[in-house]
């Protein structure tokens, strides 16, 4: 177990213990078995007032998605998180996923990707802050392209919601390019 600090939107999240996996796990949420259950293989980060759960997709190849929803008026963020060893992911990587939103206001929804050095320094980061998804949208594909330096030992990634509303994330993948 490694202690790490999760930075999203420059908000400090309390340290969390999480085992690092060698590769991404359950990126299509296929371990979900019923709506509303906790997301297997994923952790959560953010502020109280945000809920994460398995949700059916309804269309497309994916059967399940991760749903992040907020209670009205919180205006901060909620996220799903997975961290892995960066050993096999140095150089240019792409994190892709399909997102759908409902009533996202006072913030945005998006994917996020971060790489950390051994001392916890963030060496690469993108949370779609400048191109986040707002309002109500159907599933659309999004991507983050980052160069992960050799100094990275850990890669953390997921989906996030800032402000109010709901976001569904499905068909996630993390690959070299």
Protein backbone atom coordinates (compact mmCIF):
# COMPACT_ATOMS: atom_id res chain seq x y z
CA UNK A 1 0.00 0.00 0.00
CA UNK A 2 1.28 3.39 -0.92
CA UNK A 3 0.14 6.66 0.61
CA UNK A 4 -0.45 9.35 -1.96
CA UNK A 5 -2.00 12.76 -2.16
CA UNK A 6 -4.57 13.22 -4.91
CA UNK A 7 -4.68 16.65 -6.55
CA UNK A 8 -7.71 17.43 -8.69
CA UNK A 9 -8.56 20.99 -9.60
CA UNK A 10 -5.73 22.00 -7.25
CA UNK A 11 -7.80 20.76 -4.31
CA UNK A 12 -5.91 18.69 -1.78
CA UNK A 13 -7.61 15.38 -0.99
CA UNK A 14 -6.64 13.55 2.21
CA UNK A 15 -4.02 10.80 1.82
CA UNK A 16 -5.45 7.44 0.80
CA UNK A 17 -3.97 3.95 0.91
CA UNK A 18 -4.18 2.18 -2.41
CA UNK A 19 -2.33 -0.78 -3.85
CA UNK A 20 -0.75 -0.10 -7.23
CA UNK A 21 -1.70 -2.48 -10.00
CA UNK A 22 0.63 -3.23 -12.94
CA UNK A 23 -2.11 -2.48 -15.51
CA UNK A 24 -5.51 -0.73 -15.50
CA UNK A 25 -8.33 -2.78 -13.94
CA UNK A 26 -12.05 -3.04 -14.82
CA UNK A 27 -11.97 -0.16 -17.32
CA UNK A 28 -15.41 -1.11 -18.71
CA UNK A 29 -16.93 -1.65 -15.26
CA UNK A 30 -17.72 -5.25 -16.26
CA UNK A 31 -17.37 -6.31 -12.62
CA UNK A 32 -20.60 -4.43 -11.84
CA UNK A 33 -23.52 -6.77 -11.21
CA UNK A 34 -26.43 -4.48 -10.28
CA UNK A 35 -27.27 -0.76 -10.49
CA UNK A 36 -26.32 1.29 -7.45
CA UNK A 37 -23.56 -0.96 -6.16
CA UNK A 38 -20.09 0.37 -5.32
CA UNK A 39 -17.62 0.34 -8.21
CA UNK A 40 -15.36 -2.74 -7.97
CA UNK A 41 -11.63 -1.99 -8.58
CA UNK A 42 -12.15 1.77 -8.19
CA UNK A 43 -11.73 4.15 -5.27
CA UNK A 44 -13.33 7.55 -4.80
CA UNK A 45 -11.92 10.98 -4.02
CA UNK A 46 -13.36 14.40 -3.39
CA UNK A 47 -15.81 16.03 -1.07
CA UNK A 48 -18.82 14.75 0.83
CA UNK A 49 -22.02 15.07 -1.09
CA UNK A 50 -20.83 13.17 -4.16
CA UNK A 51 -21.93 9.60 -4.80
CA UNK A 52 -20.34 7.02 -7.09
CA UNK A 53 -21.96 3.80 -8.24
CA UNK A 54 -22.44 1.28 -11.04
CA UNK A 55 -25.07 2.27 -13.59
CA UNK A 56 -26.32 0.55 -16.76
CA UNK A 57 -25.31 2.27 -20.01
CA UNK A 58 -28.32 1.30 -22.10
CA UNK A 59 -26.70 1.75 -25.52
CA UNK A 60 -23.44 0.89 -27.26
CA UNK A 61 -20.98 -1.90 -26.58
CA UNK A 62 -20.55 -1.19 -22.87
CA UNK A 63 -23.13 -2.62 -20.49
CA UNK A 64 -22.02 -0.68 -17.41
CA UNK A 65 -20.76 2.76 -16.53
CA UNK A 66 -19.54 4.63 -13.48
CA UNK A 67 -22.01 7.25 -12.30
CA UNK A 68 -20.84 10.24 -10.25
CA UNK A 69 -23.62 12.46 -8.92
CA UNK A 70 -23.70 15.45 -6.62
CA UNK A 71 -26.06 16.72 -4.01
CA UNK A 72 -27.23 20.23 -4.86
CA UNK A 73 -25.05 23.14 -3.85
CA UNK A 74 -21.76 21.42 -3.04
CA UNK A 75 -19.77 23.06 -5.81
CA UNK A 76 -16.55 21.14 -5.18
CA UNK A 77 -15.73 17.75 -6.75
CA UNK A 78 -16.21 14.01 -6.69
CA UNK A 79 -14.10 11.51 -8.64
CA UNK A 80 -13.42 7.87 -9.30
CA UNK A 81 -9.77 6.92 -8.94
CA UNK A 82 -7.46 4.11 -9.96
CA UNK A 83 -3.68 4.16 -9.55
CA UNK A 84 -1.12 1.90 -11.18
CA UNK A 85 2.60 1.42 -11.48
CA UNK A 86 3.97 3.68 -14.23
CA UNK A 87 6.69 1.19 -15.29
CA UNK A 88 4.92 0.18 -18.52
CA UNK A 89 3.51 3.61 -19.35
CA UNK A 90 6.38 6.05 -19.88
CA UNK A 91 6.33 8.22 -22.98
CA UNK A 92 3.19 9.31 -24.80
CA UNK A 93 -0.05 7.85 -23.48
CA UNK A 94 -3.69 8.42 -24.28
CA UNK A 95 -6.55 8.05 -21.80
CA UNK A 96 -9.92 7.77 -23.54
CA UNK A 97 -13.48 7.32 -22.43
CA UNK A 98 -17.10 8.04 -23.24
CA UNK A 99 -18.91 10.54 -21.03
CA UNK A 100 -22.58 11.49 -20.76
CA UNK A 101 -23.88 14.23 -18.47
CA UNK A 102 -27.10 15.45 -16.90
CA UNK A 103 -27.60 18.97 -15.59
CA UNK A 104 -23.92 19.73 -14.96
CA UNK A 105 -23.81 23.32 -13.67
CA UNK A 106 -21.42 25.40 -11.57
CA UNK A 107 -18.55 23.24 -12.82
CA UNK A 108 -17.85 20.52 -15.38
CA UNK A 109 -17.41 16.79 -15.91
CA UNK A 110 -14.37 15.14 -17.45
CA UNK A 111 -11.64 12.57 -17.47
CA UNK A 112 -8.45 13.14 -15.48
CA UNK A 113 -4.93 11.70 -15.65
CA UNK A 114 -1.95 12.36 -13.38
CA UNK A 115 1.59 10.99 -13.10
CA UNK A 116 3.60 11.25 -9.86
CA UNK A 117 7.32 10.97 -9.12
CA UNK A 118 8.55 8.84 -6.21
CA UNK A 119 8.51 11.86 -3.87
CA UNK A 120 4.86 12.58 -4.72
CA UNK A 121 5.59 15.48 -7.06
CA UNK A 122 3.06 15.71 -9.89
CA UNK A 123 5.07 15.38 -13.15
CA UNK A 124 2.16 15.31 -15.65
CA UNK A 125 -1.48 16.30 -15.20
CA UNK A 126 -4.68 17.01 -17.15
CA UNK A 127 -8.23 17.15 -15.77
CA UNK A 128 -10.04 18.67 -18.77
CA UNK A 129 -10.60 21.89 -16.80
CA UNK A 130 -10.32 24.01 -19.95
CA UNK A 131 -12.56 21.73 -22.04
CA UNK A 132 -14.90 20.09 -19.54
CA UNK A 133 -18.37 18.82 -20.37
CA UNK A 134 -21.29 20.94 -19.11
CA UNK A 135 -25.06 20.77 -19.28
CA UNK A 136 -26.82 17.62 -20.48
CA UNK A 137 -25.13 15.51 -23.17
CA UNK A 138 -25.34 12.04 -24.69
CA UNK A 139 -22.32 9.74 -24.59
CA UNK A 140 -19.40 11.21 -26.53
CA UNK A 141 -15.76 10.11 -26.66
CA UNK A 142 -13.06 12.23 -25.01
CA UNK A 143 -9.31 11.82 -24.65
CA UNK A 144 -6.33 13.08 -22.72
CA UNK A 145 -2.87 12.93 -24.31
CA UNK A 146 0.10 13.21 -21.94
CA UNK A 147 3.80 12.55 -22.07
CA UNK A 148 4.72 10.53 -18.97
CA UNK A 149 8.36 11.20 -18.01
CA UNK A 150 10.76 8.47 -16.89
CA UNK A 151 10.65 9.99 -13.38
CA UNK A 152 6.99 8.89 -12.98
CA UNK A 153 6.44 5.91 -10.69
CA UNK A 154 2.66 6.10 -10.35
CA UNK A 155 -0.18 6.97 -12.73
CA UNK A 156 -3.62 7.83 -11.37
CA UNK A 157 -6.69 8.38 -13.52
CA UNK A 158 -10.47 8.39 -13.60
CA UNK A 159 -13.47 10.60 -14.15
CA UNK A 160 -14.61 13.62 -12.17
CA UNK A 161 -17.51 15.94 -11.58
CA UNK A 162 -17.12 19.46 -10.26
CA UNK A 163 -20.17 21.45 -9.22
CA UNK A 164 -23.63 19.94 -9.52
CA UNK A 165 -25.19 17.30 -11.77
CA UNK A 166 -24.31 13.80 -12.94
CA UNK A 167 -21.70 12.21 -15.19
CA UNK A 168 -21.57 8.67 -16.56
CA UNK A 169 -18.18 7.29 -17.68
CA UNK A 170 -17.85 4.18 -19.88
CA UNK A 171 -15.44 2.44 -22.27
CA UNK A 172 -12.28 3.75 -20.57
CA UNK A 173 -8.85 2.81 -21.92
CA UNK A 174 -5.24 3.76 -21.24
CA UNK A 175 -2.72 3.06 -24.00
CA UNK A 176 0.66 4.10 -25.36
CA UNK A 177 0.72 5.89 -28.71
